[in-house]
Amino acid sequence: MPPIDPLRVLPVLACALLLLACDQPPAKELAAAEAALAQARSAQADAYAPEQWKAAELALAQARQKIEAKDYRGALSSAMDAGEKARSAAGAVASSKLLAKGAAQLAEAEVQAALDEVAAVREQAKKAKVPAEAFAELEARALEATQALAALGSSLEKEEPLEAQKAGASLKARFASLGTDFRAALDKWLEDHARGRKVVKKK
């Protein structure tokens, strides 16, 4: 009897094992995919990488459907795809958090710059003896901006970048023009009261 060539036997054995595996539900791969999705959810992938997370969920659902349809080969492929997509989603969380935090910090800086401008306008108004009522319609917004900015800073300190990003976008939309608005109010008051002012002539 001639000796058996292992190089010829191994491919045949691999094919046999693959066919045998395709006749059984891919329970091990399905469990691994479910574990990968659980880890991704724990890492907040559903919040910070929502598209990749949904793709992983869809692939897992397809794997389960194919198992019910006894399409074990397709189920195996979908389960492995779900695990890969879940790991990809989890890996995207860190960069998404950094982007969200950066956007929140940028909005924070812009609103703070607007409040700094408000303070400068108030100082100028004080020197020009402009009464506080010149800014009466804007004071409530200035107070609200100050309070909202403090809340944004708190979200950043608590490492809640997604919430901070949303809050920052809202702050920027509502208060970024506050300094300009105060400046316009001052200019309007000065213009309206220019006629009543005495002009001092140089001798």
Foldseek 3Di string as FASTA:
>chain_A
DDDDDVVVVVVVVVVVVVVVQLQDAPPVLLVLLVVLLVVLVVLVLCPQVVVLSVQLVVLSVVLVVCVVVSRRVSSNVSSNVSNVSSNVSSVRRVVSLVVLQVLLVVLLVLLVVLLVLLVVLVVVCVVVVNDPVLCVVLPVVSVVLVVLSVVLVVCVVVSNSNVSSVSSVVSSVRRSCNSVVSVVSSVVSCVVCVVVDDDDDDD
